[in-house]
Amino acid sequence: MCFSAAASSVKAQGSMNLASNTAPVGATMPSRVAATQEWTGCRTRFWMSVLEQARAAFARLRDTTLADLTRAKGIDDSFP
């Protein structure tokens, strides 16, 4: 899950007092929670795809540069 419940404290009279950093009541409605989690998942998938594209581009660049260096030094492809 992308969120956690805030801790609560008990007053001297024994009544529950929610911590001040809890979400407003409207934000904890199931439909809003689901929408928030869906949006969070969408953003996560987006940034993971961006990261994967960057990794792939770096790998292509690294492999191309390595191949160019080995050719420049006269080392063939069978070199381990």
N, C-alpha and C. Protein backbone atom coordinates (compact mmCIF):
# COMPACT_ATOMS: atom_id res chain seq x y z
N MET A 1 0.83 -1.19 0.00
CA MET A 1 0.00 0.00 0.00
C MET A 1 0.87 1.24 0.00
N CYS A 2 0.32 2.31 -0.49
CA CYS A 2 1.08 3.55 -0.62
C CYS A 2 0.89 4.49 0.56
N PHE A 3 0.07 4.12 1.52
CA PHE A 3 -0.16 5.01 2.64
C PHE A 3 -0.24 4.20 3.92
N SER A 4 -0.10 4.86 5.06
CA SER A 4 -0.23 4.18 6.33
C SER A 4 -1.05 5.03 7.27
N ALA A 5 -1.68 4.40 8.21
CA ALA A 5 -2.51 5.12 9.17
C ALA A 5 -1.62 5.83 10.17
N ALA A 6 -2.04 7.00 10.60
CA ALA A 6 -1.27 7.77 11.57
C ALA A 6 -1.54 7.23 12.97
N ALA A 7 -0.55 7.37 13.82
CA ALA A 7 -0.71 6.92 15.19
C ALA A 7 -1.69 7.82 15.93
N SER A 8 -2.36 7.26 16.93
CA SER A 8 -3.28 8.06 17.72
C SER A 8 -2.82 8.06 19.16
N SER A 9 -3.22 9.06 19.89
CA SER A 9 -2.86 9.15 21.29
C SER A 9 -4.13 9.14 22.13
N VAL A 10 -4.00 8.73 23.35
CA VAL A 10 -5.15 8.66 24.25
C VAL A 10 -5.01 9.76 25.28
N LYS A 11 -6.08 10.56 25.44
CA LYS A 11 -6.07 11.62 26.45
C LYS A 11 -6.24 11.01 27.83
N ALA A 12 -6.09 11.83 28.84
CA ALA A 12 -6.23 11.37 30.22
C ALA A 12 -7.63 10.83 30.49
N GLN A 13 -8.65 11.36 29.83
CA GLN A 13 -10.01 10.90 30.03
C GLN A 13 -10.26 9.56 29.32
N GLY A 14 -9.35 9.11 28.48
CA GLY A 14 -9.51 7.84 27.81
C GLY A 14 -10.09 7.96 26.41
N SER A 15 -10.38 9.17 25.93
CA SER A 15 -10.93 9.31 24.59
C SER A 15 -9.79 9.30 23.57
N MET A 16 -10.13 8.92 22.37
CA MET A 16 -9.13 8.85 21.31
C MET A 16 -8.92 10.23 20.70
N ASN A 17 -7.68 10.57 20.41
CA ASN A 17 -7.35 11.83 19.77
C ASN A 17 -6.42 11.52 18.60
N LEU A 18 -6.92 11.68 17.36
CA LEU A 18 -6.09 11.38 16.21
C LEU A 18 -4.95 12.38 16.09
N ALA A 19 -3.83 11.92 15.60
CA ALA A 19 -2.67 12.79 15.42
C ALA A 19 -3.01 13.88 14.40
N SER A 20 -2.33 15.01 14.52
CA SER A 20 -2.64 16.15 13.67
C SER A 20 -2.23 15.95 12.21
N ASN A 21 -1.40 14.96 11.93
CA ASN A 21 -0.92 14.78 10.56
C ASN A 21 -1.74 13.75 9.78
N THR A 22 -2.94 13.43 10.25
CA THR A 22 -3.78 12.50 9.50
C THR A 22 -4.44 13.21 8.33
N ALA A 23 -4.88 12.45 7.37
CA ALA A 23 -5.53 13.01 6.19
C ALA A 23 -6.94 13.48 6.55
N PRO A 24 -7.46 14.49 5.85
CA PRO A 24 -8.83 14.92 6.08
C PRO A 24 -9.81 13.78 5.78
N VAL A 25 -10.97 13.82 6.41
CA VAL A 25 -11.94 12.74 6.27
C VAL A 25 -12.29 12.49 4.81
N GLY A 26 -12.49 13.53 4.01
CA GLY A 26 -12.85 13.36 2.61
C GLY A 26 -11.80 12.61 1.81
N ALA A 27 -10.53 12.76 2.19
CA ALA A 27 -9.45 12.12 1.44
C ALA A 27 -9.34 10.63 1.75
N THR A 28 -10.00 10.18 2.83
CA THR A 28 -9.91 8.77 3.19
C THR A 28 -11.10 7.97 2.71
N MET A 29 -12.01 8.58 1.96
CA MET A 29 -13.14 7.85 1.40
C MET A 29 -12.60 6.81 0.42
N PRO A 30 -13.18 5.60 0.41
CA PRO A 30 -12.63 4.53 -0.43
C PRO A 30 -12.46 4.91 -1.90
N SER A 31 -13.40 5.66 -2.47
CA SER A 31 -13.27 6.02 -3.88
C SER A 31 -12.07 6.93 -4.11
N ARG A 32 -11.82 7.84 -3.17
CA ARG A 32 -10.67 8.74 -3.32
C ARG A 32 -9.37 8.01 -3.07
N VAL A 33 -9.37 7.10 -2.12
CA VAL A 33 -8.16 6.32 -1.85
C VAL A 33 -7.80 5.50 -3.08
N ALA A 34 -8.79 4.86 -3.69
CA ALA A 34 -8.54 4.06 -4.88
C ALA A 34 -8.02 4.93 -6.02
N ALA A 35 -8.61 6.11 -6.19
CA ALA A 35 -8.16 7.02 -7.25
C ALA A 35 -6.73 7.47 -7.00
N THR A 36 -6.41 7.76 -5.74
CA THR A 36 -5.05 8.18 -5.40
C THR A 36 -4.06 7.06 -5.66
N GLN A 37 -4.42 5.84 -5.27
CA GLN A 37 -3.53 4.71 -5.50
C GLN A 37 -3.36 4.44 -6.99
N GLU A 38 -4.44 4.60 -7.74
CA GLU A 38 -4.36 4.40 -9.19
C GLU A 38 -3.42 5.43 -9.81
N TRP A 39 -3.55 6.69 -9.41
CA TRP A 39 -2.69 7.75 -9.93
C TRP A 39 -1.24 7.51 -9.53
N THR A 40 -1.02 7.08 -8.29
CA THR A 40 0.34 6.79 -7.84
C THR A 40 0.94 5.66 -8.66
N GLY A 41 0.14 4.63 -8.92
CA GLY A 41 0.62 3.52 -9.74
C GLY A 41 0.95 3.96 -11.15
N CYS A 42 0.12 4.85 -11.70
CA CYS A 42 0.35 5.36 -13.06
C CYS A 42 1.66 6.14 -13.11
N ARG A 43 1.88 7.01 -12.13
CA ARG A 43 3.14 7.78 -12.09
C ARG A 43 4.33 6.86 -11.93
N THR A 44 4.19 5.84 -11.07
CA THR A 44 5.29 4.90 -10.85
C THR A 44 5.63 4.17 -12.13
N ARG A 45 4.61 3.67 -12.85
CA ARG A 45 4.87 2.98 -14.11
C ARG A 45 5.52 3.91 -15.12
N PHE A 46 5.09 5.17 -15.16
CA PHE A 46 5.67 6.14 -16.09
C PHE A 46 7.16 6.32 -15.81
N TRP A 47 7.51 6.59 -14.56
CA TRP A 47 8.91 6.84 -14.24
C TRP A 47 9.76 5.59 -14.37
N MET A 48 9.18 4.42 -14.12
CA MET A 48 9.94 3.19 -14.32
C MET A 48 10.24 2.99 -15.80
N SER A 49 9.28 3.35 -16.68
CA SER A 49 9.54 3.22 -18.12
C SER A 49 10.59 4.22 -18.57
N VAL A 50 10.56 5.42 -18.02
CA VAL A 50 11.58 6.43 -18.36
C VAL A 50 12.95 5.93 -17.92
N LEU A 51 13.02 5.37 -16.72
CA LEU A 51 14.28 4.84 -16.21
C LEU A 51 14.78 3.69 -17.08
N GLU A 52 13.87 2.81 -17.48
CA GLU A 52 14.26 1.68 -18.33
C GLU A 52 14.76 2.16 -19.69
N GLN A 53 14.13 3.18 -20.25
CA GLN A 53 14.59 3.72 -21.53
C GLN A 53 15.98 4.33 -21.38
N ALA A 54 16.23 5.01 -20.27
CA ALA A 54 17.54 5.60 -20.04
C ALA A 54 18.60 4.51 -19.89
N ARG A 55 18.26 3.45 -19.16
CA ARG A 55 19.21 2.33 -19.00
C ARG A 55 19.53 1.69 -20.35
N ALA A 56 18.50 1.50 -21.17
CA ALA A 56 18.71 0.88 -22.49
C ALA A 56 19.58 1.78 -23.37
N ALA A 57 19.34 3.08 -23.33
CA ALA A 57 20.14 4.01 -24.13
C ALA A 57 21.59 4.01 -23.66
N PHE A 58 21.79 3.97 -22.35
CA PHE A 58 23.15 3.93 -21.82
C PHE A 58 23.85 2.64 -22.22
N ALA A 59 23.12 1.53 -22.17
CA ALA A 59 23.72 0.24 -22.56
C ALA A 59 24.12 0.25 -24.03
N ARG A 60 23.26 0.82 -24.89
CA ARG A 60 23.61 0.92 -26.31
C ARG A 60 24.84 1.78 -26.51
N LEU A 61 24.90 2.90 -25.82
CA LEU A 61 26.05 3.79 -25.93
C LEU A 61 27.32 3.10 -25.43
N ARG A 62 27.22 2.42 -24.29
CA ARG A 62 28.37 1.72 -23.73
C ARG A 62 28.86 0.64 -24.69
N ASP A 63 27.93 -0.14 -25.22
CA ASP A 63 28.32 -1.23 -26.13
C ASP A 63 28.93 -0.69 -27.42
N THR A 64 28.36 0.38 -27.95
CA THR A 64 28.90 0.99 -29.17
C THR A 64 30.29 1.54 -28.92
N THR A 65 30.47 2.23 -27.81
CA THR A 65 31.77 2.81 -27.48
C THR A 65 32.80 1.71 -27.26
N LEU A 66 32.41 0.65 -26.57
CA LEU A 66 33.32 -0.46 -26.33
C LEU A 66 33.72 -1.13 -27.64
N ALA A 67 32.75 -1.31 -28.53
CA ALA A 67 33.06 -1.92 -29.83
C ALA A 67 34.01 -1.02 -30.63
N ASP A 68 33.79 0.28 -30.60
CA ASP A 68 34.67 1.22 -31.31
C ASP A 68 36.08 1.17 -30.74
N LEU A 69 36.20 1.10 -29.43
CA LEU A 69 37.52 1.06 -28.80
C LEU A 69 38.26 -0.22 -29.16
N THR A 70 37.56 -1.35 -29.15
CA THR A 70 38.23 -2.61 -29.48
C THR A 70 38.66 -2.64 -30.94
N ARG A 71 37.85 -2.06 -31.83
CA ARG A 71 38.24 -2.00 -33.25
C ARG A 71 39.44 -1.07 -33.42
N ALA A 72 39.46 0.03 -32.70
CA ALA A 72 40.56 0.99 -32.82
C ALA A 72 41.88 0.39 -32.34
N LYS A 73 41.80 -0.50 -31.36
CA LYS A 73 43.01 -1.13 -30.84
C LYS A 73 43.39 -2.37 -31.63
N GLY A 74 42.55 -2.76 -32.59
CA GLY A 74 42.84 -3.94 -33.40
C GLY A 74 42.49 -5.24 -32.72
N ILE A 75 41.63 -5.18 -31.72
CA ILE A 75 41.21 -6.40 -31.02
C ILE A 75 39.96 -6.92 -31.72
N ASP A 76 39.96 -8.20 -32.06
CA ASP A 76 38.79 -8.74 -32.76
C ASP A 76 37.68 -9.09 -31.77
N ASP A 77 36.51 -9.46 -32.31
CA ASP A 77 35.34 -9.74 -31.47
C ASP A 77 35.48 -11.02 -30.67
N SER A 78 36.43 -11.88 -31.02
CA SER A 78 36.60 -13.13 -30.27
C SER A 78 37.37 -12.91 -28.97
N PHE A 79 37.88 -11.71 -28.76
CA PHE A 79 38.61 -11.41 -27.54
C PHE A 79 37.64 -11.42 -26.36
N PRO A 80 37.97 -12.16 -25.29
CA PRO A 80 37.03 -12.24 -24.15
C PRO A 80 36.85 -10.95 -23.41
